Amino acid sequence: MIISCECGIQFEVGKNEIPKEGRNVQCGVCNKVWFQTPYEKIDKNLQGKTSHYFANLFFLLLIIVSFVGIMETFKDDVIYNFPEIEKYYLFIENTSNNFLKEIKYLFSSFGI
């Protein structure tokens, strides 16, 4: 097992030298003393499964865009079968147009 001091020096320690409850160790370079606990074994099933926020965000956006694309593709059929849903299509269209206008205004204010 490798342990590290705050000064940046690393030491190799035998796995039996640090008991389960931990113990005090001292740096041989700067004489700093700290309490060291043994490292727990990493579950191999969980190893490498870190959270990828951008990948999750991209996946969510992909699902939303796919859903919007399907709804737009079958817009006429959906409105024909469910006439009351037309007001939601109009709301989304107006909101997206306003959003695009605001983005254009933002870019023009920065001179882009």
PDB file of N, CA and C in Angstrom:
ATOM      1  N   MET A   1       0.851  -1.165   0.000  1.00  0.00           N
ATOM      2  CA  MET A   1       0.000   0.000   0.000  1.00  0.00           C
ATOM      3  C   MET A   1       0.901   1.233   0.000  1.00  0.00           C
ATOM      4  N   ILE A   2       0.507   2.257  -0.734  1.00  0.00           N
ATOM      5  CA  ILE A   2       1.273   3.497  -0.804  1.00  0.00           C
ATOM      6  C   ILE A   2       0.515   4.568  -0.028  1.00  0.00           C
ATOM      7  N   ILE A   3       1.206   5.233   0.899  1.00  0.00           N
ATOM      8  CA  ILE A   3       0.617   6.337   1.648  1.00  0.00           C
ATOM      9  C   ILE A   3       1.359   7.608   1.277  1.00  0.00           C
ATOM     10  N   SER A   4       0.686   8.740   1.423  1.00  0.00           N
ATOM     11  CA  SER A   4       1.272  10.021   1.030  1.00  0.00           C
ATOM     12  C   SER A   4       1.209  11.009   2.179  1.00  0.00           C
ATOM     13  N   CYS A   5       2.264  11.772   2.307  1.00  0.00           N
ATOM     14  CA  CYS A   5       2.321  12.850   3.282  1.00  0.00           C
ATOM     15  C   CYS A   5       1.865  14.138   2.603  1.00  0.00           C
ATOM     16  N   GLU A   6       1.505  15.142   3.409  1.00  0.00           N
ATOM     17  CA  GLU A   6       1.113  16.441   2.865  1.00  0.00           C
ATOM     18  C   GLU A   6       2.258  17.121   2.123  1.00  0.00           C
ATOM     19  N   CYS A   7       3.495  16.757   2.456  1.00  0.00           N
ATOM     20  CA  CYS A   7       4.644  17.382   1.797  1.00  0.00           C
ATOM     21  C   CYS A   7       4.873  16.820   0.397  1.00  0.00           C
ATOM     22  N   GLY A   8       4.117  15.769   0.025  1.00  0.00           N
ATOM     23  CA  GLY A   8       4.214  15.225  -1.321  1.00  0.00           C
ATOM     24  C   GLY A   8       5.014  13.946  -1.423  1.00  0.00           C
ATOM     25  N   ILE A   9       5.665  13.542  -0.361  1.00  0.00           N
ATOM     26  CA  ILE A   9       6.454  12.316  -0.373  1.00  0.00           C
ATOM     27  C   ILE A   9       5.515  11.124  -0.208  1.00  0.00           C
ATOM     28  N   GLN A  10       5.783  10.072  -0.965  1.00  0.00           N
ATOM     29  CA  GLN A  10       4.987   8.858  -0.864  1.00  0.00           C
ATOM     30  C   GLN A  10       5.850   7.730  -0.317  1.00  0.00           C
ATOM     31  N   PHE A  11       5.197   6.873   0.477  1.00  0.00           N
ATOM     32  CA  PHE A  11       5.898   5.760   1.094  1.00  0.00           C
ATOM     33  C   PHE A  11       5.149   4.471   0.782  1.00  0.00           C
ATOM     34  N   GLU A  12       5.901   3.395   0.555  1.00  0.00           N
ATOM     35  CA  GLU A  12       5.290   2.095   0.374  1.00  0.00           C
ATOM     36  C   GLU A  12       5.308   1.380   1.720  1.00  0.00           C
ATOM     37  N   VAL A  13       4.116   0.952   2.132  1.00  0.00           N
ATOM     38  CA  VAL A  13       3.949   0.308   3.432  1.00  0.00           C
ATOM     39  C   VAL A  13       3.302  -1.048   3.190  1.00  0.00           C
ATOM     40  N   GLY A  14       3.749  -2.063   3.898  1.00  0.00           N
ATOM     41  CA  GLY A  14       3.144  -3.388   3.793  1.00  0.00           C
ATOM     42  C   GLY A  14       1.700  -3.364   4.271  1.00  0.00           C
ATOM     43  N   LYS A  15       0.842  -4.193   3.673  1.00  0.00           N
ATOM     44  CA  LYS A  15      -0.580  -4.151   4.010  1.00  0.00           C
ATOM     45  C   LYS A  15      -0.832  -4.591   5.453  1.00  0.00           C
ATOM     46  N   ASN A  16       0.101  -5.340   6.054  1.00  0.00           N
ATOM     47  CA  ASN A  16      -0.068  -5.782   7.445  1.00  0.00           C
ATOM     48  C   ASN A  16       0.435  -4.753   8.453  1.00  0.00           C
ATOM     49  N   GLU A  17       1.110  -3.717   7.990  1.00  0.00           N
ATOM     50  CA  GLU A  17       1.665  -2.718   8.910  1.00  0.00           C
ATOM     51  C   GLU A  17       0.621  -1.722   9.402  1.00  0.00           C
ATOM     52  N   ILE A  18      -0.489  -1.602   8.705  1.00  0.00           N
ATOM     53  CA  ILE A  18      -1.565  -0.702   9.123  1.00  0.00           C
ATOM     54  C   ILE A  18      -2.766  -1.574   9.497  1.00  0.00           C
ATOM     55  N   PRO A  19      -3.136  -1.633  10.786  1.00  0.00           N
ATOM     56  CA  PRO A  19      -4.269  -2.477  11.184  1.00  0.00           C
ATOM     57  C   PRO A  19      -5.610  -1.892  10.710  1.00  0.00           C
ATOM     58  N   LYS A  20      -6.670  -2.674  10.857  1.00  0.00           N
ATOM     59  CA  LYS A  20      -7.996  -2.238  10.414  1.00  0.00           C
ATOM     60  C   LYS A  20      -8.425  -0.935  11.067  1.00  0.00           C
ATOM     61  N   GLU A  21      -8.089  -0.775  12.341  1.00  0.00           N
ATOM     62  CA  GLU A  21      -8.503   0.433  13.066  1.00  0.00           C
ATOM     63  C   GLU A  21      -7.601   1.627  12.763  1.00  0.00           C
ATOM     64  N   GLY A  22      -6.500   1.431  12.039  1.00  0.00           N
ATOM     65  CA  GLY A  22      -5.584   2.505  11.671  1.00  0.00           C
ATOM     66  C   GLY A  22      -4.519   2.714  12.725  1.00  0.00           C
ATOM     67  N   ARG A  23      -3.575   3.595  12.417  1.00  0.00           N
ATOM     68  CA  ARG A  23      -2.503   3.911  13.369  1.00  0.00           C
ATOM     69  C   ARG A  23      -1.822   5.204  12.955  1.00  0.00           C
ATOM     70  N   ASN A  24      -1.063   5.785  13.879  1.00  0.00           N
ATOM     71  CA  ASN A  24      -0.296   6.990  13.581  1.00  0.00           C
ATOM     72  C   ASN A  24       0.945   6.608  12.790  1.00  0.00           C
ATOM     73  N   VAL A  25       1.258   7.418  11.783  1.00  0.00           N
ATOM     74  CA  VAL A  25       2.475   7.241  11.002  1.00  0.00           C
ATOM     75  C   VAL A  25       3.188   8.590  10.944  1.00  0.00           C
ATOM     76  N   GLN A  26       4.491   8.544  10.654  1.00  0.00           N
ATOM     77  CA  GLN A  26       5.289   9.765  10.613  1.00  0.00           C
ATOM     78  C   GLN A  26       6.096   9.806   9.338  1.00  0.00           C
ATOM     79  N   CYS A  27       6.107  10.991   8.715  1.00  0.00           N
ATOM     80  CA  CYS A  27       6.881  11.198   7.501  1.00  0.00           C
ATOM     81  C   CYS A  27       8.365  11.195   7.858  1.00  0.00           C
ATOM     82  N   GLY A  28       9.157  10.490   7.069  1.00  0.00           N
ATOM     83  CA  GLY A  28      10.593  10.435   7.309  1.00  0.00           C
ATOM     84  C   GLY A  28      11.326  11.660   6.798  1.00  0.00           C
ATOM     85  N   VAL A  29      10.637  12.552   6.062  1.00  0.00           N
ATOM     86  CA  VAL A  29      11.284  13.731   5.504  1.00  0.00           C
ATOM     87  C   VAL A  29      10.952  14.972   6.322  1.00  0.00           C
ATOM     88  N   CYS A  30       9.639  15.227   6.535  1.00  0.00           N
ATOM     89  CA  CYS A  30       9.244  16.468   7.228  1.00  0.00           C
ATOM     90  C   CYS A  30       8.802  16.223   8.666  1.00  0.00           C
ATOM     91  N   ASN A  31       8.793  14.969   9.114  1.00  0.00           N
ATOM     92  CA  ASN A  31       8.419  14.566  10.474  1.00  0.00           C
ATOM     93  C   ASN A  31       6.965  14.841  10.838  1.00  0.00           C
ATOM     94  N   LYS A  32       6.107  15.059   9.854  1.00  0.00           N
ATOM     95  CA  LYS A  32       4.680  15.247  10.106  1.00  0.00           C
ATOM     96  C   LYS A  32       4.095  13.918  10.541  1.00  0.00           C
ATOM     97  N   VAL A  33       3.212  13.950  11.560  1.00  0.00           N
ATOM     98  CA  VAL A  33       2.550  12.752  12.065  1.00  0.00           C
ATOM     99  C   VAL A  33       1.068  12.854  11.704  1.00  0.00           C
ATOM    100  N   TRP A  34       0.495  11.764  11.179  1.00  0.00           N
ATOM    101  CA  TRP A  34      -0.935  11.727  10.875  1.00  0.00           C
ATOM    102  C   TRP A  34      -1.473  10.337  11.136  1.00  0.00           C
ATOM    103  N   PHE A  35      -2.803  10.264  11.245  1.00  0.00           N
ATOM    104  CA  PHE A  35      -3.465   8.986  11.477  1.00  0.00           C
ATOM    105  C   PHE A  35      -3.820   8.390  10.131  1.00  0.00           C
ATOM    106  N   GLN A  36      -3.324   7.199   9.875  1.00  0.00           N
ATOM    107  CA  GLN A  36      -3.541   6.529   8.589  1.00  0.00           C
ATOM    108  C   GLN A  36      -4.445   5.318   8.797  1.00  0.00           C
ATOM    109  N   THR A  37      -5.490   5.234   7.980  1.00  0.00           N
ATOM    110  CA  THR A  37      -6.347   4.047   7.975  1.00  0.00           C
ATOM    111  C   THR A  37      -6.040   3.249   6.726  1.00  0.00           C
ATOM    112  N   PRO A  38      -6.279   1.950   6.757  1.00  0.00           N
ATOM    113  CA  PRO A  38      -6.013   1.162   5.551  1.00  0.00           C
ATOM    114  C   PRO A  38      -7.029   1.495   4.465  1.00  0.00           C
ATOM    115  N   TYR A  39      -6.597   1.359   3.246  1.00  0.00           N
ATOM    116  CA  TYR A  39      -7.486   1.595   2.122  1.00  0.00           C
ATOM    117  C   TYR A  39      -8.418   0.403   1.990  1.00  0.00           C
ATOM    118  N   GLU A  40      -9.684   0.720   1.712  1.00  0.00           N
ATOM    119  CA  GLU A  40     -10.643  -0.366   1.502  1.00  0.00           C
ATOM    120  C   GLU A  40     -10.482  -0.906   0.092  1.00  0.00           C
ATOM    121  N   LYS A  41     -10.786  -2.174  -0.051  1.00  0.00           N
ATOM    122  CA  LYS A  41     -10.725  -2.771  -1.376  1.00  0.00           C
ATOM    123  C   LYS A  41     -11.839  -2.188  -2.228  1.00  0.00           C
ATOM    124  N   ILE A  42     -11.524  -1.899  -3.469  1.00  0.00           N
ATOM    125  CA  ILE A  42     -12.504  -1.344  -4.391  1.00  0.00           C
ATOM    126  C   ILE A  42     -13.277  -2.491  -5.012  1.00  0.00           C
ATOM    127  N   ASP A  43     -14.585  -2.374  -4.968  1.00  0.00           N
ATOM    128  CA  ASP A  43     -15.427  -3.394  -5.584  1.00  0.00           C
ATOM    129  C   ASP A  43     -15.215  -3.329  -7.092  1.00  0.00           C
ATOM    130  N   LYS A  44     -14.850  -4.438  -7.694  1.00  0.00           N
ATOM    131  CA  LYS A  44     -14.552  -4.453  -9.124  1.00  0.00           C
ATOM    132  C   LYS A  44     -15.772  -4.136  -9.961  1.00  0.00           C
ATOM    133  N   ASN A  45     -16.971  -4.371  -9.427  1.00  0.00           N
ATOM    134  CA  ASN A  45     -18.194  -4.040 -10.161  1.00  0.00           C
ATOM    135  C   ASN A  45     -18.408  -2.535 -10.233  1.00  0.00           C
ATOM    136  N   LEU A  46     -17.943  -1.802  -9.222  1.00  0.00           N
ATOM    137  CA  LEU A  46     -18.126  -0.352  -9.192  1.00  0.00           C
ATOM    138  C   LEU A  46     -16.949   0.396  -9.793  1.00  0.00           C
ATOM    139  N   GLN A  47     -15.836  -0.292  -9.996  1.00  0.00           N
ATOM    140  CA  GLN A  47     -14.634   0.355 -10.494  1.00  0.00           C
ATOM    141  C   GLN A  47     -14.854   0.895 -11.906  1.00  0.00           C
ATOM    142  N   GLY A  48     -14.531   2.148 -12.113  1.00  0.00           N
ATOM    143  CA  GLY A  48     -14.660   2.776 -13.414  1.00  0.00           C
ATOM    144  C   GLY A  48     -16.053   3.318 -13.701  1.00  0.00           C
ATOM    145  N   LYS A  49     -16.961   3.202 -12.756  1.00  0.00           N
ATOM    146  CA  LYS A  49     -18.317   3.712 -12.968  1.00  0.00           C
ATOM    147  C   LYS A  49     -18.453   5.052 -12.259  1.00  0.00           C
ATOM    148  N   THR A  50     -17.819   6.043 -12.813  1.00  0.00           N
ATOM    149  CA  THR A  50     -17.916   7.372 -12.240  1.00  0.00           C
ATOM    150  C   THR A  50     -19.064   8.107 -12.899  1.00  0.00           C
ATOM    151  N   SER A  51     -19.455   9.181 -12.278  1.00  0.00           N
ATOM    152  CA  SER A  51     -20.570   9.959 -12.804  1.00  0.00           C
ATOM    153  C   SER A  51     -20.069  10.847 -13.939  1.00  0.00           C
ATOM    154  N   HIS A  52     -20.716  10.773 -15.054  1.00  0.00           N
ATOM    155  CA  HIS A  52     -20.363  11.586 -16.211  1.00  0.00           C
ATOM    156  C   HIS A  52     -21.518  12.534 -16.484  1.00  0.00           C
ATOM    157  N   TYR A  53     -21.429  13.724 -15.902  1.00  0.00           N
ATOM    158  CA  TYR A  53     -22.532  14.676 -15.984  1.00  0.00           C
ATOM    159  C   TYR A  53     -22.791  15.117 -17.415  1.00  0.00           C
ATOM    160  N   PHE A  54     -21.747  15.374 -18.173  1.00  0.00           N
ATOM    161  CA  PHE A  54     -21.947  15.837 -19.549  1.00  0.00           C
ATOM    162  C   PHE A  54     -22.532  14.729 -20.424  1.00  0.00           C
ATOM    163  N   ALA A  55     -22.127  13.508 -20.179  1.00  0.00           N
ATOM    164  CA  ALA A  55     -22.694  12.399 -20.941  1.00  0.00           C
ATOM    165  C   ALA A  55     -24.168  12.220 -20.601  1.00  0.00           C
ATOM    166  N   ASN A  56     -24.505  12.333 -19.321  1.00  0.00           N
ATOM    167  CA  ASN A  56     -25.909  12.225 -18.918  1.00  0.00           C
ATOM    168  C   ASN A  56     -26.731  13.379 -19.472  1.00  0.00           C
ATOM    169  N   LEU A  57     -26.173  14.577 -19.446  1.00  0.00           N
ATOM    170  CA  LEU A  57     -26.871  15.738 -19.998  1.00  0.00           C
ATOM    171  C   LEU A  57     -27.076  15.569 -21.499  1.00  0.00           C
ATOM    172  N   PHE A  58     -26.052  15.102 -22.200  1.00  0.00           N
ATOM    173  CA  PHE A  58     -26.167  14.871 -23.633  1.00  0.00           C
ATOM    174  C   PHE A  58     -27.235  13.828 -23.923  1.00  0.00           C
ATOM    175  N   PHE A  59     -27.265  12.752 -23.135  1.00  0.00           N
ATOM    176  CA  PHE A  59     -28.258  11.705 -23.312  1.00  0.00           C
ATOM    177  C   PHE A  59     -29.664  12.250 -23.092  1.00  0.00           C
ATOM    178  N   LEU A  60     -29.849  13.076 -22.065  1.00  0.00           N
ATOM    179  CA  LEU A  60     -31.157  13.683 -21.800  1.00  0.00           C
ATOM    180  C   LEU A  60     -31.576  14.594 -22.944  1.00  0.00           C
ATOM    181  N   LEU A  61     -30.654  15.418 -23.430  1.00  0.00           N
ATOM    182  CA  LEU A  61     -30.970  16.300 -24.557  1.00  0.00           C
ATOM    183  C   LEU A  61     -31.295  15.494 -25.812  1.00  0.00           C
ATOM    184  N   LEU A  62     -30.603  14.390 -26.025  1.00  0.00           N
ATOM    185  CA  LEU A  62     -30.882  13.528 -27.166  1.00  0.00           C
ATOM    186  C   LEU A  62     -32.294  12.944 -27.089  1.00  0.00           C
ATOM    187  N   ILE A  63     -32.704  12.544 -25.905  1.00  0.00           N
ATOM    188  CA  ILE A  63     -34.059  12.023 -25.728  1.00  0.00           C
ATOM    189  C   ILE A  63     -35.090  13.107 -25.990  1.00  0.00           C
ATOM    190  N   ILE A  64     -34.850  14.310 -25.472  1.00  0.00           N
ATOM    191  CA  ILE A  64     -35.793  15.412 -25.673  1.00  0.00           C
ATOM    192  C   ILE A  64     -35.897  15.771 -27.144  1.00  0.00           C
ATOM    193  N   VAL A  65     -34.766  15.888 -27.821  1.00  0.00           N
ATOM    194  CA  VAL A  65     -34.777  16.229 -29.250  1.00  0.00           C
ATOM    195  C   VAL A  65     -35.463  15.135 -30.054  1.00  0.00           C
ATOM    196  N   SER A  66     -35.231  13.884 -29.694  1.00  0.00           N
ATOM    197  CA  SER A  66     -35.900  12.776 -30.394  1.00  0.00           C
ATOM    198  C   SER A  66     -37.407  12.842 -30.192  1.00  0.00           C
ATOM    199  N   PHE A  67     -37.825  13.116 -28.979  1.00  0.00           N
ATOM    200  CA  PHE A  67     -39.255  13.215 -28.690  1.00  0.00           C
ATOM    201  C   PHE A  67     -39.885  14.360 -29.472  1.00  0.00           C
ATOM    202  N   VAL A  68     -39.203  15.506 -29.483  1.00  0.00           N
ATOM    203  CA  VAL A  68     -39.719  16.661 -30.237  1.00  0.00           C
ATOM    204  C   VAL A  68     -39.772  16.339 -31.722  1.00  0.00           C
ATOM    205  N   GLY A  69     -38.761  15.658 -32.239  1.00  0.00           N
ATOM    206  CA  GLY A  69     -38.754  15.278 -33.648  1.00  0.00           C
ATOM    207  C   GLY A  69     -39.901  14.354 -33.999  1.00  0.00           C
ATOM    208  N   ILE A  70     -40.183  13.385 -33.129  1.00  0.00           N
ATOM    209  CA  ILE A  70     -41.308  12.475 -33.373  1.00  0.00           C
ATOM    210  C   ILE A  70     -42.627  13.231 -33.320  1.00  0.00           C
ATOM    211  N   MET A  71     -42.759  14.110 -32.319  1.00  0.00           N
ATOM    212  CA  MET A  71     -44.009  14.889 -32.199  1.00  0.00           C
ATOM    213  C   MET A  71     -44.196  15.805 -33.400  1.00  0.00           C
ATOM    214  N   GLU A  72     -43.106  16.362 -33.913  1.00  0.00           N
ATOM    215  CA  GLU A  72     -43.209  17.245 -35.078  1.00  0.00           C
ATOM    216  C   GLU A  72     -43.511  16.438 -36.346  1.00  0.00           C
ATOM    217  N   THR A  73     -42.939  15.253 -36.446  1.00  0.00           N
ATOM    218  CA  THR A  73     -43.171  14.409 -37.617  1.00  0.00           C
ATOM    219  C   THR A  73     -44.644  14.012 -37.730  1.00  0.00           C
ATOM    220  N   PHE A  74     -45.232  13.675 -36.601  1.00  0.00           N
ATOM    221  CA  PHE A  74     -46.627  13.221 -36.604  1.00  0.00           C
ATOM    222  C   PHE A  74     -47.592  14.304 -36.138  1.00  0.00           C
ATOM    223  N   LYS A  75     -47.194  15.570 -36.303  1.00  0.00           N
ATOM    224  CA  LYS A  75     -47.995  16.701 -35.828  1.00  0.00           C
ATOM    225  C   LYS A  75     -49.411  16.672 -36.405  1.00  0.00           C
ATOM    226  N   ASP A  76     -49.529  16.515 -37.701  1.00  0.00           N
ATOM    227  CA  ASP A  76     -50.849  16.557 -38.339  1.00  0.00           C
ATOM    228  C   ASP A  76     -51.739  15.413 -37.836  1.00  0.00           C
ATOM    229  N   ASP A  77     -51.178  14.224 -37.701  1.00  0.00           N
ATOM    230  CA  ASP A  77     -51.957  13.094 -37.210  1.00  0.00           C
ATOM    231  C   ASP A  77     -52.379  13.286 -35.756  1.00  0.00           C
ATOM    232  N   VAL A  78     -51.470  13.812 -34.938  1.00  0.00           N
ATOM    233  CA  VAL A  78     -51.780  14.025 -33.526  1.00  0.00           C
ATOM    234  C   VAL A  78     -52.879  15.076 -33.386  1.00  0.00           C
ATOM    235  N   ILE A  79     -52.774  16.176 -34.125  1.00  0.00           N
ATOM    236  CA  ILE A  79     -53.790  17.230 -34.046  1.00  0.00           C
ATOM    237  C   ILE A  79     -55.126  16.720 -34.578  1.00  0.00           C
ATOM    238  N   TYR A  80     -55.097  15.910 -35.604  1.00  0.00           N
ATOM    239  CA  TYR A  80     -56.337  15.353 -36.154  1.00  0.00           C
ATOM    240  C   TYR A  80     -57.043  14.468 -35.119  1.00  0.00           C
ATOM    241  N   ASN A  81     -56.272  13.632 -34.429  1.00  0.00           N
ATOM    242  CA  ASN A  81     -56.863  12.734 -33.434  1.00  0.00           C
ATOM    243  C   ASN A  81     -57.131  13.401 -32.092  1.00  0.00           C
ATOM    244  N   PHE A  82     -56.336  14.405 -31.746  1.00  0.00           N
ATOM    245  CA  PHE A  82     -56.491  15.112 -30.467  1.00  0.00           C
ATOM    246  C   PHE A  82     -56.459  16.614 -30.727  1.00  0.00           C
ATOM    247  N   PRO A  83     -57.583  17.216 -31.160  1.00  0.00           N
ATOM    248  CA  PRO A  83     -57.589  18.633 -31.547  1.00  0.00           C
ATOM    249  C   PRO A  83     -57.190  19.583 -30.410  1.00  0.00           C
ATOM    250  N   GLU A  84     -57.431  19.192 -29.165  1.00  0.00           N
ATOM    251  CA  GLU A  84     -57.111  20.074 -28.038  1.00  0.00           C
ATOM    252  C   GLU A  84     -55.602  20.241 -27.836  1.00  0.00           C
ATOM    253  N   ILE A  85     -54.797  19.398 -28.445  1.00  0.00           N
ATOM    254  CA  ILE A  85     -53.344  19.476 -28.274  1.00  0.00           C
ATOM    255  C   ILE A  85     -52.721  20.552 -29.167  1.00  0.00           C
ATOM    256  N   GLU A  86     -53.494  21.110 -30.077  1.00  0.00           N
ATOM    257  CA  GLU A  86     -52.963  22.128 -30.979  1.00  0.00           C
ATOM    258  C   GLU A  86     -52.465  23.356 -30.220  1.00  0.00           C
ATOM    259  N   LYS A  87     -53.132  23.697 -29.103  1.00  0.00           N
ATOM    260  CA  LYS A  87     -52.692  24.862 -28.325  1.00  0.00           C
ATOM    261  C   LYS A  87     -51.297  24.625 -27.735  1.00  0.00           C
ATOM    262  N   TYR A  88     -50.927  23.373 -27.423  1.00  0.00           N
ATOM    263  CA  TYR A  88     -49.589  23.075 -26.920  1.00  0.00           C
ATOM    264  C   TYR A  88     -48.547  23.209 -28.027  1.00  0.00           C
ATOM    265  N   TYR A  89     -48.901  22.790 -29.230  1.00  0.00           N
ATOM    266  CA  TYR A  89     -48.001  22.982 -30.362  1.00  0.00           C
ATOM    267  C   TYR A  89     -47.766  24.476 -30.605  1.00  0.00           C
ATOM    268  N   LEU A  90     -48.827  25.280 -30.525  1.00  0.00           N
ATOM    269  CA  LEU A  90     -48.677  26.732 -30.712  1.00  0.00           C
ATOM    270  C   LEU A  90     -47.827  27.343 -29.609  1.00  0.00           C
ATOM    271  N   PHE A  91     -48.019  26.878 -28.375  1.00  0.00           N
ATOM    272  CA  PHE A  91     -47.224  27.384 -27.259  1.00  0.00           C
ATOM    273  C   PHE A  91     -45.743  27.074 -27.463  1.00  0.00           C
ATOM    274  N   ILE A  92     -45.441  25.859 -27.852  1.00  0.00           N
ATOM    275  CA  ILE A  92     -44.042  25.467 -28.078  1.00  0.00           C
ATOM    276  C   ILE A  92     -43.448  26.263 -29.235  1.00  0.00           C
ATOM    277  N   GLU A  93     -44.222  26.464 -30.288  1.00  0.00           N
ATOM    278  CA  GLU A  93     -43.736  27.227 -31.439  1.00  0.00           C
ATOM    279  C   GLU A  93     -43.448  28.667 -31.047  1.00  0.00           C
ATOM    280  N   ASN A  94     -44.357  29.312 -30.299  1.00  0.00           N
ATOM    281  CA  ASN A  94     -44.140  30.695 -29.861  1.00  0.00           C
ATOM    282  C   ASN A  94     -42.952  30.798 -28.906  1.00  0.00           C
ATOM    283  N   THR A  95     -42.845  29.843 -28.006  1.00  0.00           N
ATOM    284  CA  THR A  95     -41.730  29.862 -27.054  1.00  0.00           C
ATOM    285  C   THR A  95     -40.393  29.697 -27.774  1.00  0.00           C
ATOM    286  N   SER A  96     -40.334  28.787 -28.730  1.00  0.00           N
ATOM    287  CA  SER A  96     -39.075  28.584 -29.449  1.00  0.00           C
ATOM    288  C   SER A  96     -38.733  29.799 -30.307  1.00  0.00           C
ATOM    289  N   ASN A  97     -39.735  30.438 -30.914  1.00  0.00           N
ATOM    290  CA  ASN A  97     -39.471  31.652 -31.697  1.00  0.00           C
ATOM    291  C   ASN A  97     -38.953  32.771 -30.805  1.00  0.00           C
ATOM    292  N   ASN A  98     -39.560  32.949 -29.621  1.00  0.00           N
ATOM    293  CA  ASN A  98     -39.081  33.967 -28.681  1.00  0.00           C
ATOM    294  C   ASN A  98     -37.671  33.657 -28.205  1.00  0.00           C
ATOM    295  N   PHE A  99     -37.380  32.396 -27.973  1.00  0.00           N
ATOM    296  CA  PHE A  99     -36.045  31.990 -27.542  1.00  0.00           C
ATOM    297  C   PHE A  99     -35.010  32.310 -28.618  1.00  0.00           C
ATOM    298  N   LEU A 100     -35.336  32.008 -29.859  1.00  0.00           N
ATOM    299  CA  LEU A 100     -34.406  32.301 -30.957  1.00  0.00           C
ATOM    300  C   LEU A 100     -34.189  33.804 -31.119  1.00  0.00           C
ATOM    301  N   LYS A 101     -35.247  34.598 -30.946  1.00  0.00           N
ATOM    302  CA  LYS A 101     -35.103  36.056 -31.013  1.00  0.00           C
ATOM    303  C   LYS A 101     -34.176  36.557 -29.914  1.00  0.00           C
ATOM    304  N   GLU A 102     -34.328  36.019 -28.712  1.00  0.00           N
ATOM    305  CA  GLU A 102     -33.470  36.433 -27.601  1.00  0.00           C
ATOM    306  C   GLU A 102     -32.012  36.040 -27.843  1.00  0.00           C
ATOM    307  N   ILE A 103     -31.787  34.866 -28.403  1.00  0.00           N
ATOM    308  CA  ILE A 103     -30.423  34.428 -28.715  1.00  0.00           C
ATOM    309  C   ILE A 103     -29.812  35.344 -29.770  1.00  0.00           C
ATOM    310  N   LYS A 104     -30.587  35.695 -30.811  1.00  0.00           N
ATOM    311  CA  LYS A 104     -30.085  36.606 -31.842  1.00  0.00           C
ATOM    312  C   LYS A 104     -29.764  37.968 -31.242  1.00  0.00           C
ATOM    313  N   TYR A 105     -30.625  38.451 -30.341  1.00  0.00           N
ATOM    314  CA  TYR A 105     -30.378  39.737 -29.678  1.00  0.00           C
ATOM    315  C   TYR A 105     -29.113  39.654 -28.827  1.00  0.00           C
ATOM    316  N   LEU A 106     -28.920  38.550 -28.115  1.00  0.00           N
ATOM    317  CA  LEU A 106     -27.742  38.373 -27.290  1.00  0.00           C
ATOM    318  C   LEU A 106     -26.471  38.383 -28.131  1.00  0.00           C
ATOM    319  N   PHE A 107     -26.491  37.669 -29.263  1.00  0.00           N
ATOM    320  CA  PHE A 107     -25.326  37.647 -30.135  1.00  0.00           C
ATOM    321  C   PHE A 107     -25.065  39.012 -30.743  1.00  0.00           C
ATOM    322  N   SER A 108     -26.135  39.720 -31.144  1.00  0.00           N
ATOM    323  CA  SER A 108     -25.937  41.037 -31.744  1.00  0.00           C
ATOM    324  C   SER A 108     -25.423  42.038 -30.705  1.00  0.00           C
ATOM    325  N   SER A 109     -25.820  41.891 -29.443  1.00  0.00           N
ATOM    326  CA  SER A 109     -25.321  42.814 -28.408  1.00  0.00           C
ATOM    327  C   SER A 109     -23.835  42.598 -28.135  1.00  0.00           C
ATOM    328  N   PHE A 110     -23.328  41.392 -28.370  1.00  0.00           N
ATOM    329  CA  PHE A 110     -21.902  41.120 -28.235  1.00  0.00           C
ATOM    330  C   PHE A 110     -21.137  41.365 -29.523  1.00  0.00           C
ATOM    331  N   GLY A 111     -21.839  41.726 -30.575  1.00  0.00           N
ATOM    332  CA  GLY A 111     -21.198  42.009 -31.838  1.00  0.00           C
ATOM    333  C   GLY A 111     -20.802  40.768 -32.611  1.00  0.00           C
ATOM    334  N   ILE A 112     -21.476  39.684 -32.368  1.00  0.00           N
ATOM    335  CA  ILE A 112     -21.140  38.436 -33.053  1.00  0.00           C
ATOM    336  C   ILE A 112     -22.050  38.254 -34.246  1.00  0.00           C
TER     337      ILE A 112
END
